[in-house]
């Protein structure tokens, strides 16, 4: 019995296809240039990617193009064509929300109880995730962001009186609590979990989805003096998702802050960041964000000392040793942070006291990018210059630091500044290291 021939593929009319995504348009909108695009595609082109021209004609976009005109006629033609060719019919898109609708949701959330608040936050989350335009609308709606911040603050106010007795036990407790949560990471940097079970977590999730602009963040920081401390308290919540979202928001908030405010970072904030660095149950992306935050905080005020007291050196050394946690980029950021911490005596003391501290930094001098290598060499230089006790010099020899320095001096691709620092360290302690039998094969090139 012969099989029936396979049906011929359906040819899609060219004017049904979005010029950006090359897929059939679900919600066609037309720009002033006369070209029609799918709404999601053109909004991503303009607002996410930051382009200011029409992708096809390259004409500059006008103010009206920020609100492109819906092409209802084309949408109906596409829907009719789908029905005629037994193709899945796209539903009619819901009209975009406006500021009045957002205000009504926020107002309703403030008047009801816990259940009504969760329902309103759920509706707001659906609005935000539906389109880029909706996200911008919610961010721009008067009072919407402030309302979400106030919801997160309620939990911060309820837990402000509780604090850990010491930073290092707190990090261990956080890691233990995280492992009991049992959620799996989806690989996008935000671990998977059920929908938010509390209004605070729901509001935090929406704030993260909004991708707040620097201007909005500055406004929130000006009107909410304890916003950063609120995010610091989020880093102690048991939820994977909440801690990851809090870390991302904290990075964005600190980027919008003036340096004068960074110098007064609280101990609670720095301990929370170090707790994330030491928590191996979080995603590598969350750890990278925490490293960015630590590097942002360290140069200011007494933040380096606070980080050392919170156990940052041990956490950073472990990251250098664990190549599977985020790869070379994580190692590079960890080396930069260690370089910052070695700028104070407390940081250098912790590094040389760690059983693998000097060895981990020495290994980083030849395994990372030029930036990471430069930071690792600078950290070793600080130790060799300011903390070079006889015991430290012998350890540097025993764990391979001196051999790495010799390699950097001899390697042509090491970079002139790194070679010069390595040569300076070798000259600085030549009397101690030159007589070692380990260096017999390198004596010819050992700096005098």
Protein backbone atom coordinates (compact mmCIF):
# COMPACT_ATOMS: atom_id res chain seq x y z
CA UNK A 1 0.00 0.00 0.00
CA UNK A 2 1.51 3.30 -1.05
CA UNK A 3 1.77 6.09 1.47
CA UNK A 4 -0.06 9.32 0.77
CA UNK A 5 2.28 12.09 -0.32
CA UNK A 6 3.25 14.53 2.42
CA UNK A 7 1.41 17.84 2.23
CA UNK A 8 3.36 20.62 0.57
CA UNK A 9 4.77 23.19 2.99
CA UNK A 10 2.69 26.31 3.36
CA UNK A 11 4.36 29.39 1.89
CA UNK A 12 4.04 32.36 4.25
CA UNK A 13 3.38 35.71 2.53
CA UNK A 14 6.44 37.90 2.87
CA UNK A 15 4.55 40.87 4.30
CA UNK A 16 3.38 38.66 7.22
CA UNK A 17 6.99 38.20 8.36
CA UNK A 18 8.72 40.55 10.78
CA UNK A 19 11.95 41.94 9.25
CA UNK A 20 13.74 41.52 12.58
CA UNK A 21 12.67 38.12 13.90
CA UNK A 22 11.85 36.64 10.45
CA UNK A 23 8.76 35.06 12.00
CA UNK A 24 5.05 35.59 11.41
CA UNK A 25 3.99 38.72 13.29
CA UNK A 26 1.66 38.24 16.25
CA UNK A 27 1.19 41.92 17.05
CA UNK A 28 2.19 44.01 14.00
CA UNK A 29 2.95 47.69 14.57
CA UNK A 30 4.01 50.31 12.03
CA UNK A 31 6.67 53.00 12.43
CA UNK A 32 6.70 56.44 10.86
CA UNK A 33 9.09 55.01 8.23
CA UNK A 34 6.20 52.90 6.92
CA UNK A 35 7.78 49.56 7.89
CA UNK A 36 5.78 47.12 10.00
CA UNK A 37 7.38 44.97 12.70
CA UNK A 38 6.27 42.62 15.43
CA UNK A 39 5.82 44.70 18.58
CA UNK A 40 8.16 42.62 20.77
CA UNK A 41 10.91 42.71 18.15
CA UNK A 42 10.89 46.44 17.50
CA UNK A 43 10.60 47.29 21.21
CA UNK A 44 13.59 45.07 21.93
CA UNK A 45 15.48 46.80 19.09
CA UNK A 46 14.71 50.27 20.44
CA UNK A 47 14.60 49.92 24.21
CA UNK A 48 16.73 46.90 25.06
CA UNK A 49 19.40 47.20 22.35
CA UNK A 50 19.34 51.01 22.34
CA UNK A 51 19.02 51.64 18.60
CA UNK A 52 17.62 54.95 17.40
CA UNK A 53 16.88 54.14 13.77
CA UNK A 54 14.52 52.00 11.71
CA UNK A 55 16.17 48.59 11.12
CA UNK A 56 15.17 48.49 7.44
CA UNK A 57 15.30 52.09 6.21
CA UNK A 58 17.93 53.31 8.73
CA UNK A 59 15.89 56.51 9.11
CA UNK A 60 16.03 58.07 12.60
CA UNK A 61 13.07 57.28 14.79
CA UNK A 62 10.84 60.09 16.00
CA UNK A 63 9.12 60.58 19.34
CA UNK A 64 5.92 58.99 17.96
CA UNK A 65 7.82 55.78 17.21
CA UNK A 66 8.23 55.15 20.93
CA UNK A 67 4.52 54.28 20.79
CA UNK A 68 4.24 52.52 17.38
CA UNK A 69 0.85 52.37 15.66
CA UNK A 70 -0.92 48.99 15.82
CA UNK A 71 -1.60 47.61 12.32
CA UNK A 72 -5.02 46.06 12.96
CA UNK A 73 -5.70 45.40 9.27
CA UNK A 74 -2.55 43.33 8.84
CA UNK A 75 -3.20 41.47 12.09
CA UNK A 76 -6.66 40.45 10.88
CA UNK A 77 -5.23 39.31 7.55
CA UNK A 78 -2.65 37.16 9.34
CA UNK A 79 -5.31 35.62 11.58
CA UNK A 80 -7.55 34.88 8.58
CA UNK A 81 -4.63 33.33 6.69
CA UNK A 82 -3.80 31.13 9.68
CA UNK A 83 -7.39 29.90 9.85
CA UNK A 84 -7.52 29.18 6.09
CA UNK A 85 -4.29 27.16 6.12
CA UNK A 86 -4.88 25.27 9.36
CA UNK A 87 -2.01 27.14 11.02
CA UNK A 88 -2.17 27.90 14.72
CA UNK A 89 -4.14 31.11 14.99
CA UNK A 90 -2.51 33.85 17.01
CA UNK A 91 -4.84 35.33 19.63
CA UNK A 92 -5.71 38.99 19.44
CA UNK A 93 -3.13 40.80 21.60
CA UNK A 94 -4.35 42.57 24.65
CA UNK A 95 -4.15 46.35 24.46
CA UNK A 96 -1.02 47.74 26.18
CA UNK A 97 -1.56 49.00 29.70
CA UNK A 98 -1.41 52.68 30.52
CA UNK A 99 -0.47 54.64 33.63
CA UNK A 100 -4.10 54.76 34.81
CA UNK A 101 -4.34 50.96 34.79
CA UNK A 102 -1.10 50.62 36.72
CA UNK A 103 -2.29 53.21 39.23
CA UNK A 104 -5.55 51.28 39.69
CA UNK A 105 -3.66 48.05 40.41
CA UNK A 106 -1.38 49.78 42.92
CA UNK A 107 -4.32 51.52 44.58
CA UNK A 108 -6.24 48.24 44.87
CA UNK A 109 -3.23 46.51 46.38
CA UNK A 110 -2.94 49.15 49.08
CA UNK A 111 -6.57 48.88 50.14
CA UNK A 112 -6.99 45.12 50.54
CA UNK A 113 -5.50 42.48 52.79
CA UNK A 114 -2.77 39.91 52.20
CA UNK A 115 -4.73 37.97 49.60
CA UNK A 116 -5.69 41.07 47.63
CA UNK A 117 -2.11 42.31 47.79
CA UNK A 118 -0.77 39.05 46.37
CA UNK A 119 -3.41 39.07 43.63
CA UNK A 120 -2.54 42.65 42.66
CA UNK A 121 1.17 41.88 42.63
CA UNK A 122 0.49 38.84 40.46
CA UNK A 123 -1.43 40.99 37.99
CA UNK A 124 1.37 43.55 37.99
CA UNK A 125 3.93 40.79 37.33
CA UNK A 126 1.89 39.58 34.34
CA UNK A 127 1.76 43.12 32.98
CA UNK A 128 5.51 43.61 33.32
CA UNK A 129 6.46 40.33 31.66
CA UNK A 130 4.06 40.78 28.74
CA UNK A 131 6.06 43.37 26.80
CA UNK A 132 8.88 45.88 26.94
CA UNK A 133 6.39 48.71 26.60
CA UNK A 134 4.46 47.53 29.64
CA UNK A 135 7.67 47.32 31.63
CA UNK A 136 8.50 50.93 30.79
CA UNK A 137 4.95 51.98 31.57
CA UNK A 138 5.05 50.45 35.05
CA UNK A 139 8.45 51.98 35.78
CA UNK A 140 7.23 55.42 34.70
CA UNK A 141 3.86 55.21 36.51
CA UNK A 142 3.91 57.63 39.48
CA UNK A 143 4.35 55.77 42.75
CA UNK A 144 4.53 52.24 41.27
CA UNK A 145 8.21 51.58 41.98
CA UNK A 146 7.95 53.23 45.39
CA UNK A 147 4.99 50.98 46.23
CA UNK A 148 6.99 47.85 45.34
CA UNK A 149 9.93 49.06 47.43
CA UNK A 150 7.61 49.68 50.39
CA UNK A 151 6.30 46.10 50.19
CA UNK A 152 9.85 44.69 50.31
CA UNK A 153 10.65 47.01 53.20
CA UNK A 154 7.92 45.49 55.35
CA UNK A 155 9.88 42.28 55.73
CA UNK A 156 13.10 44.24 56.31
CA UNK A 157 11.42 46.17 59.12
CA UNK A 158 10.14 42.95 60.68
CA UNK A 159 13.58 41.34 60.70
CA UNK A 160 15.76 44.40 61.32
CA UNK A 161 16.15 43.53 65.00
CA UNK A 162 17.63 40.08 64.27
CA UNK A 163 21.31 39.87 63.34
CA UNK A 164 23.93 37.18 63.25
CA UNK A 165 26.23 36.79 66.26
CA UNK A 166 29.24 36.57 63.94
CA UNK A 167 29.78 36.78 60.21
CA UNK A 168 31.42 33.41 59.52
CA UNK A 169 28.82 31.29 61.39
CA UNK A 170 26.16 33.31 59.59
CA UNK A 171 27.64 32.36 56.21
CA UNK A 172 27.62 28.69 57.16
CA UNK A 173 24.03 28.93 58.34
CA UNK A 174 23.01 30.62 55.11
CA UNK A 175 24.60 27.88 53.06
CA UNK A 176 22.89 25.20 55.16
CA UNK A 177 19.53 26.91 54.82
CA UNK A 178 19.97 27.23 51.09
CA UNK A 179 20.71 23.55 50.63
CA UNK A 180 17.50 22.66 52.42
CA UNK A 181 15.42 24.72 50.03
CA UNK A 182 15.79 22.15 47.28
CA UNK A 183 15.20 24.24 44.18
CA UNK A 184 17.10 23.60 40.98
CA UNK A 185 18.82 26.26 38.92
CA UNK A 186 17.39 26.73 35.44
CA UNK A 187 20.75 27.90 34.09
CA UNK A 188 19.76 31.50 33.46
CA UNK A 189 21.30 32.83 36.63
CA UNK A 190 18.06 32.83 38.61
CA UNK A 191 17.36 29.52 40.33
CA UNK A 192 13.95 28.02 39.71
CA UNK A 193 11.39 28.07 42.46
CA UNK A 194 7.63 28.11 42.92
CA UNK A 195 5.78 31.37 42.54
CA UNK A 196 6.46 33.85 45.30
CA UNK A 197 4.70 32.76 48.48
CA UNK A 198 4.78 36.21 50.09
CA UNK A 199 4.09 39.75 48.91
CA UNK A 200 7.68 40.72 49.69
CA UNK A 201 9.12 38.11 47.33
CA UNK A 202 6.58 38.97 44.65
CA UNK A 203 7.42 42.68 44.83
CA UNK A 204 11.15 41.89 44.74
CA UNK A 205 10.65 39.78 41.62
CA UNK A 206 8.80 42.60 39.88
CA UNK A 207 11.49 45.14 40.80
CA UNK A 208 14.08 42.83 39.26
CA UNK A 209 11.99 42.34 36.09
CA UNK A 210 11.61 46.11 35.67
CA UNK A 211 15.37 46.52 35.06
CA UNK A 212 15.20 49.93 36.66
CA UNK A 213 17.02 52.74 34.92
CA UNK A 214 19.78 54.67 36.68
CA UNK A 215 17.48 57.69 36.91
CA UNK A 216 14.77 55.68 38.66
CA UNK A 217 17.29 54.08 41.01
CA UNK A 218 18.63 57.50 41.99
CA UNK A 219 15.09 58.65 42.74
CA UNK A 220 14.46 55.61 44.93
CA UNK A 221 17.78 56.08 46.73
CA UNK A 222 16.97 59.73 47.38
CA UNK A 223 13.48 59.02 48.72
CA UNK A 224 14.31 55.80 50.60
CA UNK A 225 17.42 56.19 52.72
CA UNK A 226 17.36 52.54 53.80
CA UNK A 227 16.80 51.01 50.37
CA UNK A 228 20.32 49.55 50.23
CA UNK A 229 19.98 48.19 53.77
CA UNK A 230 16.68 46.63 52.71
CA UNK A 231 18.43 44.84 49.85
CA UNK A 232 21.16 43.77 52.29
CA UNK A 233 18.50 42.09 54.44
CA UNK A 234 17.18 40.31 51.34
CA UNK A 235 20.53 38.51 51.08
CA UNK A 236 19.60 36.65 54.28
CA UNK A 237 16.22 35.42 53.02
CA UNK A 238 15.97 31.63 52.59
CA UNK A 239 14.77 31.77 48.97
CA UNK A 240 17.32 31.24 46.18
CA UNK A 241 15.32 33.46 43.89
CA UNK A 242 14.99 36.29 46.39
CA UNK A 243 18.72 36.35 47.19
CA UNK A 244 19.63 36.33 43.50
CA UNK A 245 17.18 39.10 42.65
CA UNK A 246 18.38 41.09 45.65
CA UNK A 247 21.99 40.75 44.50
CA UNK A 248 21.14 42.02 41.01
CA UNK A 249 19.19 44.97 42.41
CA UNK A 250 22.01 45.76 44.81
CA UNK A 251 24.53 45.86 41.97
CA UNK A 252 22.31 48.25 40.00
CA UNK A 253 21.67 50.46 43.05
CA UNK A 254 25.35 50.76 43.94
CA UNK A 255 26.19 51.66 40.34
CA UNK A 256 23.79 54.60 40.64
CA UNK A 257 25.18 55.79 44.00
CA UNK A 258 27.70 58.55 44.50
CA UNK A 259 31.12 57.47 45.87
CA UNK A 260 30.54 59.53 49.00
CA UNK A 261 27.64 57.24 49.91
CA UNK A 262 29.57 54.08 49.08
CA UNK A 263 32.11 54.88 51.80
CA UNK A 264 29.43 54.48 54.47
CA UNK A 265 28.33 50.97 53.52
CA UNK A 266 26.96 49.08 56.52
CA UNK A 267 28.57 46.03 58.03
CA UNK A 268 25.31 44.16 57.38
CA UNK A 269 25.56 44.93 53.66
CA UNK A 270 29.13 43.74 53.29
CA UNK A 271 28.47 40.62 55.36
CA UNK A 272 25.52 39.82 53.10
CA UNK A 273 27.64 40.13 49.96
CA UNK A 274 30.36 37.90 51.44
CA UNK A 275 27.68 35.41 52.46
CA UNK A 276 26.64 35.13 48.82
CA UNK A 277 30.26 34.60 47.75
CA UNK A 278 30.61 31.75 50.22
CA UNK A 279 27.29 30.11 49.30
CA UNK A 280 28.02 27.31 46.81
CA UNK A 281 24.31 26.57 46.36
CA UNK A 282 23.70 29.78 44.41
CA UNK A 283 24.23 30.04 40.67
CA UNK A 284 27.63 31.13 39.27
CA UNK A 285 25.95 34.22 37.85
CA UNK A 286 24.79 35.32 41.30
CA UNK A 287 28.34 34.85 42.59
CA UNK A 288 29.70 37.00 39.74
CA UNK A 289 27.24 39.76 40.60
CA UNK A 290 28.36 39.57 44.24
CA UNK A 291 31.98 39.91 43.11
CA UNK A 292 31.09 43.01 41.09
CA UNK A 293 29.42 44.48 44.17
CA UNK A 294 32.40 43.71 46.40
CA UNK A 295 34.82 45.28 43.90
CA UNK A 296 32.55 48.34 43.77
CA UNK A 297 32.55 48.71 47.57
CA UNK A 298 36.17 47.89 48.46
CA UNK A 299 37.94 51.09 47.34
CA UNK A 300 35.88 53.31 49.65
CA UNK A 301 36.25 54.11 53.35
CA UNK A 302 36.68 51.20 55.73
CA UNK A 303 34.83 48.79 53.47
CA UNK A 304 37.96 46.69 52.90
CA UNK A 305 38.40 46.09 56.62
CA UNK A 306 34.71 45.25 57.01
CA UNK A 307 34.98 42.75 54.15
CA UNK A 308 38.05 41.12 55.69
CA UNK A 309 36.30 40.82 59.04
CA UNK A 310 33.32 39.24 57.28
CA UNK A 311 35.54 36.46 55.88
CA UNK A 312 35.91 37.75 52.32
CA UNK A 313 39.51 36.61 51.88
CA UNK A 314 38.70 32.96 52.58
CA UNK A 315 35.68 33.09 50.25
CA UNK A 316 37.74 34.66 47.45
CA UNK A 317 40.56 32.13 47.80
CA UNK A 318 38.02 29.32 47.52
CA UNK A 319 36.70 30.89 44.31
CA UNK A 320 40.21 31.02 42.86
CA UNK A 321 40.68 27.35 43.70
CA UNK A 322 37.26 26.30 42.35
CA UNK A 323 37.65 26.68 38.57
CA UNK A 324 34.19 25.21 37.99
CA UNK A 325 32.44 28.14 39.69
CA UNK A 326 31.95 30.60 36.85
CA UNK A 327 35.19 30.03 34.95
CA UNK A 328 37.94 32.53 34.29
CA UNK A 329 35.71 35.60 34.61
CA UNK A 330 34.90 34.67 38.20
CA UNK A 331 38.60 34.07 38.87
CA UNK A 332 39.45 37.45 37.38
CA UNK A 333 36.94 39.27 39.59
CA UNK A 334 38.12 37.32 42.64
CA UNK A 335 41.72 38.37 41.91
CA UNK A 336 40.66 42.02 41.57
CA UNK A 337 38.85 41.81 44.92
CA UNK A 338 41.86 40.20 46.63
CA UNK A 339 44.03 42.98 45.22
CA UNK A 340 41.72 45.53 46.86
CA UNK A 341 41.76 43.69 50.20
CA UNK A 342 45.56 43.41 50.19
CA UNK A 343 45.61 47.19 50.26
CA UNK A 344 45.07 46.97 54.02
CA UNK A 345 47.14 45.16 56.64
CA UNK A 346 44.17 43.10 57.77
CA UNK A 347 43.64 41.75 54.26
CA UNK A 348 47.28 40.78 53.81
CA UNK A 349 47.30 39.08 57.21
CA UNK A 350 44.25 37.00 56.29
CA UNK A 351 45.73 36.03 52.92
CA UNK A 352 49.04 34.76 54.34
CA UNK A 353 47.18 33.02 57.18
CA UNK A 354 45.01 31.04 54.75
CA UNK A 355 46.62 27.62 54.07
CA UNK A 356 46.14 28.03 50.31
CA UNK A 357 46.05 31.82 50.05
CA UNK A 358 49.46 32.57 48.55
CA UNK A 359 49.41 29.44 46.39
CA UNK A 360 45.99 30.32 44.93
CA UNK A 361 47.03 33.89 44.09
CA UNK A 362 50.33 32.67 42.61
CA UNK A 363 48.49 30.23 40.36
CA UNK A 364 46.20 33.04 39.22
CA UNK A 365 49.19 35.00 37.87
CA UNK A 366 49.46 32.65 34.88
CA UNK A 367 45.92 31.32 34.45
CA UNK A 368 43.75 34.41 34.10
CA UNK A 369 43.22 37.30 31.69
CA UNK A 370 45.71 40.21 31.67
CA UNK A 371 43.45 42.08 34.12
CA UNK A 372 43.30 39.12 36.50
CA UNK A 373 47.03 38.52 36.20
CA UNK A 374 47.76 42.18 36.94
CA UNK A 375 45.60 42.08 40.06
CA UNK A 376 47.17 38.84 41.32
CA UNK A 377 50.69 40.24 40.85
CA UNK A 378 49.70 43.45 42.63
CA UNK A 379 48.36 41.44 45.58
CA UNK A 380 51.59 39.44 45.85
CA UNK A 381 53.58 42.66 45.55
CA UNK A 382 51.68 44.15 48.48
CA UNK A 383 52.44 41.08 50.58
CA UNK A 384 56.12 41.04 49.58
CA UNK A 385 56.49 44.75 50.31
CA UNK A 386 54.52 45.15 53.54
CA UNK A 387 54.09 41.69 55.13
CA UNK A 388 57.33 39.89 54.27
CA UNK A 389 58.16 38.13 57.52
CA UNK A 390 60.74 35.30 57.35
CA UNK A 391 57.93 32.75 57.60
CA UNK A 392 55.97 34.41 54.77
CA UNK A 393 59.06 34.53 52.52
CA UNK A 394 59.72 30.85 53.08
CA UNK A 395 56.09 30.02 52.33
CA UNK A 396 56.22 32.04 49.12
CA UNK A 397 59.20 29.96 48.10
CA UNK A 398 57.62 26.65 49.15
CA UNK A 399 54.23 27.11 47.44
CA UNK A 400 55.68 28.26 44.12
CA UNK A 401 55.26 32.04 44.30
CA UNK A 402 58.92 32.65 43.49
CA UNK A 403 58.83 30.23 40.56
CA UNK A 404 55.81 32.09 39.15
CA UNK A 405 57.64 35.40 39.53
CA UNK A 406 60.61 34.01 37.62
CA UNK A 407 58.26 32.83 34.89
CA UNK A 408 56.69 36.29 34.63
CA UNK A 409 60.12 37.90 34.33
CA UNK A 410 61.12 35.51 31.55
CA UNK A 411 57.78 35.38 29.68
CA UNK A 412 57.64 37.83 26.81
CA UNK A 413 53.84 37.99 26.84
CA UNK A 414 53.52 38.77 30.55
CA UNK A 415 53.28 42.53 30.07
CA UNK A 416 55.85 45.14 31.07
CA UNK A 417 54.16 46.29 34.28
CA UNK A 418 53.70 42.75 35.54
CA UNK A 419 57.29 41.85 34.66
CA UNK A 420 58.56 44.94 36.43
CA UNK A 421 56.64 44.14 39.62
CA UNK A 422 57.81 40.52 39.53
CA UNK A 423 61.42 41.67 39.02
CA UNK A 424 61.08 44.14 41.89
CA UNK A 425 59.85 41.41 44.25
CA UNK A 426 62.70 39.10 43.28
CA UNK A 427 65.27 41.84 43.87
CA UNK A 428 63.59 42.84 47.12
CA UNK A 429 64.13 39.42 48.71
CA UNK A 430 67.06 38.09 46.67
CA UNK A 431 69.13 37.33 49.77
CA UNK A 432 66.47 34.94 51.12
CA UNK A 433 65.43 33.26 47.89
CA UNK A 434 68.68 33.13 45.92
CA UNK A 435 70.27 30.39 48.03
CA UNK A 436 67.36 27.97 47.59
CA UNK A 437 68.18 24.73 45.73
CA UNK A 438 64.75 25.04 44.07
CA UNK A 439 66.09 27.95 42.01
CA UNK A 440 69.32 26.33 40.83
CA UNK A 441 68.12 26.04 37.24
CA UNK A 442 67.00 29.68 37.17
CA UNK A 443 70.05 31.38 38.71
CA UNK A 444 71.33 32.57 35.35
CA UNK A 445 68.28 34.73 34.85
CA UNK A 446 67.62 35.60 38.50
CA UNK A 447 67.64 39.41 38.93
CA UNK A 448 70.59 40.69 40.91
